[in-house]
All heavy atoms as atom14 arrays in JSON, in Angstrom:
{
  "sequence": "LSDNLFDTDNLIEFILICHNNAPPYDNPNKIYNENGTLLLQSY",
  "atom14_mask": [
    [1, 1, 1, 1, 1, 1, 1, 1, 0, 0, 0, 0, 0, 0],
    [1, 1, 1, 1, 1, 1, 0, 0, 0, 0, 0, 0, 0, 0],
    [1, 1, 1, 1, 1, 1, 1, 1, 0, 0, 0, 0, 0, 0],
    [1, 1, 1, 1, 1, 1, 1, 1, 0, 0, 0, 0, 0, 0],
    [1, 1, 1, 1, 1, 1, 1, 1, 0, 0, 0, 0, 0, 0],
    [1, 1, 1, 1, 1, 1, 1, 1, 1, 1, 1, 0, 0, 0],
    [1, 1, 1, 1, 1, 1, 1, 1, 0, 0, 0, 0, 0, 0],
    [1, 1, 1, 1, 1, 1, 1, 0, 0, 0, 0, 0, 0, 0],
    [1, 1, 1, 1, 1, 1, 1, 1, 0, 0, 0, 0, 0, 0],
    [1, 1, 1, 1, 1, 1, 1, 1, 0, 0, 0, 0, 0, 0],
    [1, 1, 1, 1, 1, 1, 1, 1, 0, 0, 0, 0, 0, 0],
    [1, 1, 1, 1, 1, 1, 1, 1, 0, 0, 0, 0, 0, 0],
    [1, 1, 1, 1, 1, 1, 1, 1, 1, 0, 0, 0, 0, 0],
    [1, 1, 1, 1, 1, 1, 1, 1, 1, 1, 1, 0, 0, 0],
    [1, 1, 1, 1, 1, 1, 1, 1, 0, 0, 0, 0, 0, 0],
    [1, 1, 1, 1, 1, 1, 1, 1, 0, 0, 0, 0, 0, 0],
    [1, 1, 1, 1, 1, 1, 1, 1, 0, 0, 0, 0, 0, 0],
    [1, 1, 1, 1, 1, 1, 0, 0, 0, 0, 0, 0, 0, 0],
    [1, 1, 1, 1, 1, 1, 1, 1, 1, 1, 0, 0, 0, 0],
    [1, 1, 1, 1, 1, 1, 1, 1, 0, 0, 0, 0, 0, 0],
    [1, 1, 1, 1, 1, 1, 1, 1, 0, 0, 0, 0, 0, 0],
    [1, 1, 1, 1, 1, 0, 0, 0, 0, 0, 0, 0, 0, 0],
    [1, 1, 1, 1, 1, 1, 1, 0, 0, 0, 0, 0, 0, 0],
    [1, 1, 1, 1, 1, 1, 1, 0, 0, 0, 0, 0, 0, 0],
    [1, 1, 1, 1, 1, 1, 1, 1, 1, 1, 1, 1, 0, 0],
    [1, 1, 1, 1, 1, 1, 1, 1, 0, 0, 0, 0, 0, 0],
    [1, 1, 1, 1, 1, 1, 1, 1, 0, 0, 0, 0, 0, 0],
    [1, 1, 1, 1, 1, 1, 1, 0, 0, 0, 0, 0, 0, 0],
    [1, 1, 1, 1, 1, 1, 1, 1, 0, 0, 0, 0, 0, 0],
    [1, 1, 1, 1, 1, 1, 1, 1, 1, 0, 0, 0, 0, 0],
    [1, 1, 1, 1, 1, 1, 1, 1, 0, 0, 0, 0, 0, 0],
    [1, 1, 1, 1, 1, 1, 1, 1, 1, 1, 1, 1, 0, 0],
    [1, 1, 1, 1, 1, 1, 1, 1, 0, 0, 0, 0, 0, 0],
    [1, 1, 1, 1, 1, 1, 1, 1, 1, 0, 0, 0, 0, 0],
    [1, 1, 1, 1, 1, 1, 1, 1, 0, 0, 0, 0, 0, 0],
    [1, 1, 1, 1, 0, 0, 0, 0, 0, 0, 0, 0, 0, 0],
    [1, 1, 1, 1, 1, 1, 1, 0, 0, 0, 0, 0, 0, 0],
    [1, 1, 1, 1, 1, 1, 1, 1, 0, 0, 0, 0, 0, 0],
    [1, 1, 1, 1, 1, 1, 1, 1, 0, 0, 0, 0, 0, 0],
    [1, 1, 1, 1, 1, 1, 1, 1, 0, 0, 0, 0, 0, 0],
    [1, 1, 1, 1, 1, 1, 1, 1, 1, 0, 0, 0, 0, 0],
    [1, 1, 1, 1, 1, 1, 0, 0, 0, 0, 0, 0, 0, 0],
    [1, 1, 1, 1, 1, 1, 1, 1, 1, 1, 1, 1, 0, 0]
  ],
  "atom14_positions": [
    [[4.19, -7.72, -3.2], [5.18, -6.89, -3.86], [5.34, -7.4, -5.29], [5.6, -8.58, -5.52], [6.5, -6.96, -3.09], [7.6, -5.98, -3.52], [8.45, -5.58, -2.33], [8.49, -6.61, -4.58], [0.0, 0.0, 0.0], [0.0, 0.0, 0.0], [0.0, 0.0, 0.0], [0.0, 0.0, 0.0], [0.0, 0.0, 0.0], [0.0, 0.0, 0.0]],
    [[5.17, -6.51, -6.26], [5.18, -6.92, -7.67], [5.58, -5.74, -8.54], [5.73, -4.61, -8.06], [3.8, -7.43, -8.1], [2.84, -6.38, -7.98], [0.0, 0.0, 0.0], [0.0, 0.0, 0.0], [0.0, 0.0, 0.0], [0.0, 0.0, 0.0], [0.0, 0.0, 0.0], [0.0, 0.0, 0.0], [0.0, 0.0, 0.0], [0.0, 0.0, 0.0]],
    [[5.76, -6.0, -9.82], [6.12, -4.92, -10.74], [5.15, -4.79, -11.91], [5.36, -3.98, -12.8], [7.54, -5.11, -11.28], [7.71, -6.42, -12.05], [6.8, -7.28, -11.99], [8.75, -6.6, -12.7], [0.0, 0.0, 0.0], [0.0, 0.0, 0.0], [0.0, 0.0, 0.0], [0.0, 0.0, 0.0], [0.0, 0.0, 0.0], [0.0, 0.0, 0.0]],
    [[4.06, -5.59, -11.89], [3.17, -5.54, -13.06], [1.77, -5.99, -12.68], [1.12, -6.68, -13.44], [3.73, -6.42, -14.18], [3.12, -6.09, -15.53], [2.47, -5.08, -15.7], [3.33, -6.96, -16.5], [0.0, 0.0, 0.0], [0.0, 0.0, 0.0], [0.0, 0.0, 0.0], [0.0, 0.0, 0.0], [0.0, 0.0, 0.0], [0.0, 0.0, 0.0]],
    [[1.31, -5.61, -11.49], [-0.02, -6.01, -11.04], [-0.93, -4.81, -10.88], [-2.0, -4.74, -11.49], [0.07, -6.78, -9.72], [-1.27, -7.18, -9.09], [-2.03, -8.14, -10.0], [-1.06, -7.8, -7.71], [0.0, 0.0, 0.0], [0.0, 0.0, 0.0], [0.0, 0.0, 0.0], [0.0, 0.0, 0.0], [0.0, 0.0, 0.0], [0.0, 0.0, 0.0]],
    [[-0.52, -3.85, -10.06], [-1.37, -2.69, -9.77], [-1.29, -1.63, -10.85], [-2.13, -0.75, -10.94], [-0.99, -2.1, -8.41], [-1.17, -3.08, -7.29], [-0.07, -3.6, -6.62], [-2.44, -3.5, -6.9], [-0.23, -4.51, -5.58], [-2.61, -4.41, -5.87], [-1.5, -4.91, -5.21], [0.0, 0.0, 0.0], [0.0, 0.0, 0.0], [0.0, 0.0, 0.0]],
    [[-0.23, -1.65, -11.66], [-0.15, -0.88, -12.9], [0.87, -1.59, -13.78], [1.4, -2.64, -13.41], [0.2, 0.6, -12.67], [1.5, 0.79, -11.91], [2.43, -0.02, -12.12], [1.6, 1.73, -11.13], [0.0, 0.0, 0.0], [0.0, 0.0, 0.0], [0.0, 0.0, 0.0], [0.0, 0.0, 0.0], [0.0, 0.0, 0.0], [0.0, 0.0, 0.0]],
    [[1.16, -1.05, -14.96], [2.01, -1.76, -15.92], [3.24, -0.93, -16.31], [3.73, -1.02, -17.43], [1.21, -2.11, -17.18], [0.64, -0.91, -17.74], [0.09, -3.09, -16.86], [0.0, 0.0, 0.0], [0.0, 0.0, 0.0], [0.0, 0.0, 0.0], [0.0, 0.0, 0.0], [0.0, 0.0, 0.0], [0.0, 0.0, 0.0], [0.0, 0.0, 0.0]],
    [[3.77, -0.13, -15.37], [4.91, 0.72, -15.69], [6.25, 0.12, -15.26], [7.3, 0.76, -15.35], [4.74, 2.1, -15.06], [4.61, 2.03, -13.54], [4.78, 0.93, -12.96], [4.33, 3.07, -12.93], [0.0, 0.0, 0.0], [0.0, 0.0, 0.0], [0.0, 0.0, 0.0], [0.0, 0.0, 0.0], [0.0, 0.0, 0.0], [0.0, 0.0, 0.0]],
    [[6.23, -1.12, -14.74], [7.43, -1.84, -14.29], [8.05, -1.28, -13.02], [9.13, -1.74, -12.61], [8.5, -1.92, -15.39], [8.06, -2.8, -16.55], [7.33, -3.77, -16.35], [8.51, -2.48, -17.74], [0.0, 0.0, 0.0], [0.0, 0.0, 0.0], [0.0, 0.0, 0.0], [0.0, 0.0, 0.0], [0.0, 0.0, 0.0], [0.0, 0.0, 0.0]],
    [[7.42, -0.29, -12.39], [7.87, 0.13, -11.07], [7.4, -0.91, -10.04], [6.4, -1.59, -10.25], [7.31, 1.5, -10.72], [7.82, 2.7, -11.51], [7.06, 3.96, -11.09], [9.32, 2.89, -11.32], [0.0, 0.0, 0.0], [0.0, 0.0, 0.0], [0.0, 0.0, 0.0], [0.0, 0.0, 0.0], [0.0, 0.0, 0.0], [0.0, 0.0, 0.0]],
    [[8.13, -1.0, -8.94], [7.72, -1.9, -7.88], [6.53, -1.31, -7.14], [6.52, -0.14, -6.79], [8.88, -2.12, -6.88], [10.12, -2.65, -7.59], [8.45, -3.07, -5.76], [9.96, -4.0, -8.22], [0.0, 0.0, 0.0], [0.0, 0.0, 0.0], [0.0, 0.0, 0.0], [0.0, 0.0, 0.0], [0.0, 0.0, 0.0], [0.0, 0.0, 0.0]],
    [[5.48, -2.12, -6.94], [4.33, -1.7, -6.14], [4.11, -2.72, -5.04], [4.53, -3.86, -5.14], [3.06, -1.6, -7.0], [3.12, -0.58, -8.11], [3.51, -1.19, -9.44], [3.21, -2.38, -9.65], [4.12, -0.48, -10.24], [0.0, 0.0, 0.0], [0.0, 0.0, 0.0], [0.0, 0.0, 0.0], [0.0, 0.0, 0.0], [0.0, 0.0, 0.0]],
    [[3.41, -2.3, -4.0], [3.22, -3.19, -2.86], [2.07, -2.7, -1.99], [1.7, -1.52, -2.03], [4.5, -3.26, -2.01], [5.08, -1.92, -1.66], [4.68, -1.25, -0.5], [6.0, -1.3, -2.5], [5.2, -0.01, -0.19], [6.53, -0.05, -2.19], [6.13, 0.59, -1.03], [0.0, 0.0, 0.0], [0.0, 0.0, 0.0], [0.0, 0.0, 0.0]],
    [[1.5, -3.61, -1.21], [0.51, -3.26, -0.2], [1.25, -3.15, 1.13], [1.93, -4.09, 1.56], [-0.6, -4.32, -0.1], [-1.37, -4.42, -1.43], [-1.57, -3.97, 1.03], [-2.45, -5.49, -1.43], [0.0, 0.0, 0.0], [0.0, 0.0, 0.0], [0.0, 0.0, 0.0], [0.0, 0.0, 0.0], [0.0, 0.0, 0.0], [0.0, 0.0, 0.0]],
    [[1.11, -2.01, 1.77], [1.76, -1.76, 3.06], [0.68, -1.74, 4.14], [-0.28, -0.98, 4.06], [2.49, -0.42, 3.02], [3.31, -0.02, 4.26], [4.42, -1.04, 4.51], [3.9, 1.37, 4.08], [0.0, 0.0, 0.0], [0.0, 0.0, 0.0], [0.0, 0.0, 0.0], [0.0, 0.0, 0.0], [0.0, 0.0, 0.0], [0.0, 0.0, 0.0]],
    [[0.83, -2.61, 5.12], [-0.17, -2.75, 6.17], [0.31, -2.06, 7.44], [1.45, -2.27, 7.87], [-0.48, -4.23, 6.46], [-1.18, -4.87, 5.27], [-1.38, -4.36, 7.68], [-0.28, -5.43, 4.23], [0.0, 0.0, 0.0], [0.0, 0.0, 0.0], [0.0, 0.0, 0.0], [0.0, 0.0, 0.0], [0.0, 0.0, 0.0], [0.0, 0.0, 0.0]],
    [[-0.55, -1.21, 8.01], [-0.24, -0.51, 9.26], [-1.06, -1.1, 10.4], [-2.04, -1.81, 10.18], [-0.56, 0.98, 9.13], [0.44, 1.85, 7.91], [0.0, 0.0, 0.0], [0.0, 0.0, 0.0], [0.0, 0.0, 0.0], [0.0, 0.0, 0.0], [0.0, 0.0, 0.0], [0.0, 0.0, 0.0], [0.0, 0.0, 0.0], [0.0, 0.0, 0.0]],
    [[-0.66, -0.76, 11.62], [-1.42, -1.2, 12.79], [-1.46, -0.07, 13.81], [-0.44, 0.57, 14.07], [-0.77, -2.44, 13.42], [-1.45, -2.87, 14.69], [-2.72, -3.4, 14.7], [-1.04, -2.83, 15.99], [-3.06, -3.67, 15.95], [-2.07, -3.33, 16.75], [0.0, 0.0, 0.0], [0.0, 0.0, 0.0], [0.0, 0.0, 0.0], [0.0, 0.0, 0.0]],
    [[-2.64, 0.16, 14.34], [-2.82, 1.17, 15.36], [-2.69, 0.51, 16.74], [-3.4, -0.46, 17.05], [-4.21, 1.82, 15.23], [-4.35, 3.05, 16.11], [-3.47, 3.34, 16.92], [-5.46, 3.75, 15.97], [0.0, 0.0, 0.0], [0.0, 0.0, 0.0], [0.0, 0.0, 0.0], [0.0, 0.0, 0.0], [0.0, 0.0, 0.0], [0.0, 0.0, 0.0]],
    [[-1.78, 1.02, 17.54], [-1.53, 0.43, 18.85], [-2.55, 0.84, 19.91], [-2.45, 0.42, 21.06], [-0.13, 0.8, 19.34], [0.94, 0.27, 18.41], [0.91, -0.9, 18.04], [1.88, 1.12, 18.03], [0.0, 0.0, 0.0], [0.0, 0.0, 0.0], [0.0, 0.0, 0.0], [0.0, 0.0, 0.0], [0.0, 0.0, 0.0], [0.0, 0.0, 0.0]],
    [[-3.5, 1.67, 19.53], [-4.53, 2.12, 20.46], [-5.9, 1.83, 19.85], [-6.01, 1.57, 18.65], [-4.38, 3.61, 20.74], [0.0, 0.0, 0.0], [0.0, 0.0, 0.0], [0.0, 0.0, 0.0], [0.0, 0.0, 0.0], [0.0, 0.0, 0.0], [0.0, 0.0, 0.0], [0.0, 0.0, 0.0], [0.0, 0.0, 0.0], [0.0, 0.0, 0.0]],
    [[-6.96, 1.84, 20.63], [-8.3, 1.61, 20.07], [-8.57, 2.55, 18.9], [-8.16, 3.7, 18.96], [-9.24, 1.88, 21.26], [-8.38, 1.62, 22.45], [-7.01, 2.07, 22.07], [0.0, 0.0, 0.0], [0.0, 0.0, 0.0], [0.0, 0.0, 0.0], [0.0, 0.0, 0.0], [0.0, 0.0, 0.0], [0.0, 0.0, 0.0], [0.0, 0.0, 0.0]],
    [[-9.18, 2.09, 17.8], [-9.85, 0.8, 17.65], [-8.95, -0.32, 17.13], [-9.48, -1.32, 16.6], [-10.93, 1.12, 16.62], [-10.28, 2.16, 15.74], [-9.41, 2.97, 16.65], [0.0, 0.0, 0.0], [0.0, 0.0, 0.0], [0.0, 0.0, 0.0], [0.0, 0.0, 0.0], [0.0, 0.0, 0.0], [0.0, 0.0, 0.0], [0.0, 0.0, 0.0]],
    [[-7.65, -0.19, 17.24], [-6.71, -1.24, 16.83], [-6.94, -1.66, 15.37], [-6.99, -2.83, 15.03], [-6.82, -2.47, 17.74], [-6.57, -2.16, 19.19], [-7.62, -2.17, 20.1], [-5.29, -1.84, 19.64], [-7.41, -1.87, 21.44], [-5.07, -1.53, 20.99], [-6.12, -1.56, 21.88], [-5.91, -1.27, 23.2], [0.0, 0.0, 0.0], [0.0, 0.0, 0.0]],
    [[-7.1, -0.68, 14.49], [-7.39, -0.95, 13.09], [-6.1, -1.2, 12.31], [-5.0, -0.92, 12.78], [-8.19, 0.19, 12.47], [-7.51, 1.54, 12.67], [-6.89, 1.73, 13.71], [-7.6, 2.38, 11.77], [0.0, 0.0, 0.0], [0.0, 0.0, 0.0], [0.0, 0.0, 0.0], [0.0, 0.0, 0.0], [0.0, 0.0, 0.0], [0.0, 0.0, 0.0]],
    [[-6.27, -1.75, 11.11], [-5.14, -2.11, 10.26], [-5.35, -1.6, 8.84], [-5.68, -2.37, 7.93], [-4.96, -3.64, 10.23], [-4.65, -4.21, 11.58], [-3.53, -4.19, 12.03], [-5.68, -4.72, 12.24], [0.0, 0.0, 0.0], [0.0, 0.0, 0.0], [0.0, 0.0, 0.0], [0.0, 0.0, 0.0], [0.0, 0.0, 0.0], [0.0, 0.0, 0.0]],
    [[-5.19, -0.32, 8.6], [-5.37, 0.2, 7.24], [-4.32, -0.33, 6.28], [-3.16, -0.56, 6.65], [-5.23, 1.72, 7.42], [-4.46, 1.89, 8.68], [-4.84, 0.75, 9.56], [0.0, 0.0, 0.0], [0.0, 0.0, 0.0], [0.0, 0.0, 0.0], [0.0, 0.0, 0.0], [0.0, 0.0, 0.0], [0.0, 0.0, 0.0], [0.0, 0.0, 0.0]],
    [[-4.73, -0.57, 5.03], [-3.85, -1.02, 3.95], [-3.66, 0.1, 2.95], [-4.62, 0.81, 2.63], [-4.46, -2.21, 3.21], [-4.57, -3.47, 4.05], [-4.53, -4.56, 3.52], [-4.73, -3.36, 5.35], [0.0, 0.0, 0.0], [0.0, 0.0, 0.0], [0.0, 0.0, 0.0], [0.0, 0.0, 0.0], [0.0, 0.0, 0.0], [0.0, 0.0, 0.0]],
    [[-2.44, 0.26, 2.44], [-2.17, 1.28, 1.42], [-1.31, 0.66, 0.33], [-0.39, -0.1, 0.61], [-1.48, 2.49, 2.04], [-2.32, 3.22, 3.08], [-1.63, 4.47, 3.61], [-2.5, 5.19, 4.63], [-1.88, 6.45, 5.12], [0.0, 0.0, 0.0], [0.0, 0.0, 0.0], [0.0, 0.0, 0.0], [0.0, 0.0, 0.0], [0.0, 0.0, 0.0]],
    [[-1.64, 1.01, -0.92], [-0.87, 0.51, -2.06], [0.0, 1.65, -2.59], [-0.52, 2.7, -3.0], [-1.79, -0.01, -3.17], [-2.71, -1.12, -2.63], [-0.96, -0.53, -4.34], [-3.7, -1.63, -3.65], [0.0, 0.0, 0.0], [0.0, 0.0, 0.0], [0.0, 0.0, 0.0], [0.0, 0.0, 0.0], [0.0, 0.0, 0.0], [0.0, 0.0, 0.0]],
    [[1.31, 1.46, -2.56], [2.28, 2.44, -3.03], [3.09, 1.86, -4.18], [3.21, 0.63, -4.33], [3.26, 2.82, -1.92], [2.7, 3.63, -0.78], [2.31, 3.02, 0.41], [2.59, 5.01, -0.87], [1.82, 3.76, 1.48], [2.1, 5.77, 0.19], [1.72, 5.14, 1.35], [1.24, 5.88, 2.4], [0.0, 0.0, 0.0], [0.0, 0.0, 0.0]],
    [[3.72, 2.77, -4.96], [4.79, 2.3, -5.83], [6.12, 2.74, -5.23], [6.17, 3.44, -4.21], [4.62, 2.78, -7.28], [4.82, 4.28, -7.45], [5.36, 4.97, -6.57], [4.4, 4.81, -8.59], [0.0, 0.0, 0.0], [0.0, 0.0, 0.0], [0.0, 0.0, 0.0], [0.0, 0.0, 0.0], [0.0, 0.0, 0.0], [0.0, 0.0, 0.0]],
    [[7.21, 2.33, -5.83], [8.52, 2.56, -5.25], [8.91, 4.03, -5.16], [9.82, 4.39, -4.4], [9.59, 1.8, -6.03], [9.75, 2.24, -7.49], [10.8, 1.43, -8.2], [11.99, 1.8, -8.09], [10.46, 0.43, -8.85], [0.0, 0.0, 0.0], [0.0, 0.0, 0.0], [0.0, 0.0, 0.0], [0.0, 0.0, 0.0], [0.0, 0.0, 0.0]],
    [[8.23, 4.89, -5.91], [8.5, 6.33, -5.85], [7.72, 7.02, -4.74], [7.8, 8.24, -4.57], [8.19, 6.99, -7.19], [9.13, 6.54, -8.28], [10.26, 6.12, -8.01], [8.68, 6.62, -9.53], [0.0, 0.0, 0.0], [0.0, 0.0, 0.0], [0.0, 0.0, 0.0], [0.0, 0.0, 0.0], [0.0, 0.0, 0.0], [0.0, 0.0, 0.0]],
    [[6.91, 6.26, -4.0], [6.13, 6.84, -2.92], [4.75, 7.3, -3.33], [4.03, 7.89, -2.51], [0.0, 0.0, 0.0], [0.0, 0.0, 0.0], [0.0, 0.0, 0.0], [0.0, 0.0, 0.0], [0.0, 0.0, 0.0], [0.0, 0.0, 0.0], [0.0, 0.0, 0.0], [0.0, 0.0, 0.0], [0.0, 0.0, 0.0], [0.0, 0.0, 0.0]],
    [[4.36, 7.07, -4.58], [3.03, 7.46, -5.05], [1.98, 6.53, -4.45], [2.1, 5.3, -4.54], [2.95, 7.41, -6.58], [3.93, 8.29, -7.14], [1.57, 7.83, -7.07], [0.0, 0.0, 0.0], [0.0, 0.0, 0.0], [0.0, 0.0, 0.0], [0.0, 0.0, 0.0], [0.0, 0.0, 0.0], [0.0, 0.0, 0.0], [0.0, 0.0, 0.0]],
    [[0.95, 7.1, -3.83], [-0.14, 6.32, -3.26], [-1.14, 5.98, -4.36], [-1.75, 6.87, -4.96], [-0.82, 7.12, -2.15], [-1.99, 6.43, -1.43], [-1.53, 5.18, -0.72], [-2.65, 7.4, -0.45], [0.0, 0.0, 0.0], [0.0, 0.0, 0.0], [0.0, 0.0, 0.0], [0.0, 0.0, 0.0], [0.0, 0.0, 0.0], [0.0, 0.0, 0.0]],
    [[-1.3, 4.69, -4.65], [-2.2, 4.25, -5.72], [-3.62, 4.04, -5.22], [-4.59, 4.3, -5.93], [-1.67, 2.97, -6.35], [-0.24, 3.02, -6.9], [0.14, 1.67, -7.5], [-0.09, 4.13, -7.93], [0.0, 0.0, 0.0], [0.0, 0.0, 0.0], [0.0, 0.0, 0.0], [0.0, 0.0, 0.0], [0.0, 0.0, 0.0], [0.0, 0.0, 0.0]],
    [[-3.75, 3.53, -4.0], [-5.07, 3.29, -3.42], [-4.88, 3.07, -1.93], [-3.85, 2.53, -1.5], [-5.72, 2.04, -4.05], [-7.19, 1.79, -3.73], [-8.07, 2.9, -4.3], [-7.64, 0.44, -4.3], [0.0, 0.0, 0.0], [0.0, 0.0, 0.0], [0.0, 0.0, 0.0], [0.0, 0.0, 0.0], [0.0, 0.0, 0.0], [0.0, 0.0, 0.0]],
    [[-5.85, 3.49, -1.13], [-5.73, 3.29, 0.3], [-7.05, 2.82, 0.9], [-8.12, 3.01, 0.32], [-5.29, 4.58, 1.0], [-6.27, 5.72, 0.94], [-5.77, 6.94, 1.72], [-4.95, 6.82, 2.61], [-6.26, 8.11, 1.35], [0.0, 0.0, 0.0], [0.0, 0.0, 0.0], [0.0, 0.0, 0.0], [0.0, 0.0, 0.0], [0.0, 0.0, 0.0]],
    [[-6.93, 2.16, 2.02], [-8.11, 1.74, 2.77], [-8.21, 2.59, 4.03], [-7.28, 3.33, 4.37], [-8.01, 0.25, 3.13], [-6.96, 0.05, 4.05], [0.0, 0.0, 0.0], [0.0, 0.0, 0.0], [0.0, 0.0, 0.0], [0.0, 0.0, 0.0], [0.0, 0.0, 0.0], [0.0, 0.0, 0.0], [0.0, 0.0, 0.0], [0.0, 0.0, 0.0]],
    [[-9.3, 2.44, 4.73], [-9.52, 3.26, 5.92], [-9.97, 2.37, 7.08], [-10.77, 1.45, 6.91], [-10.58, 4.33, 5.65], [-10.25, 5.23, 4.49], [-10.67, 4.91, 3.21], [-9.49, 6.38, 4.67], [-10.35, 5.73, 2.13], [-9.18, 7.21, 3.61], [-9.61, 6.88, 2.34], [-9.3, 7.69, 1.27], [0.0, 0.0, 0.0], [0.0, 0.0, 0.0]]
  ]
}
């Protein structure tokens, strides 16, 4: 969680990690800012 790493607009950004409770039990990562804008996602 930071305010000047993934972009430089001083909004809070963070990596949000999910978990699937069923196979394949994957853990996708998504980078959001505090306004809900998706900056980058994994699959």
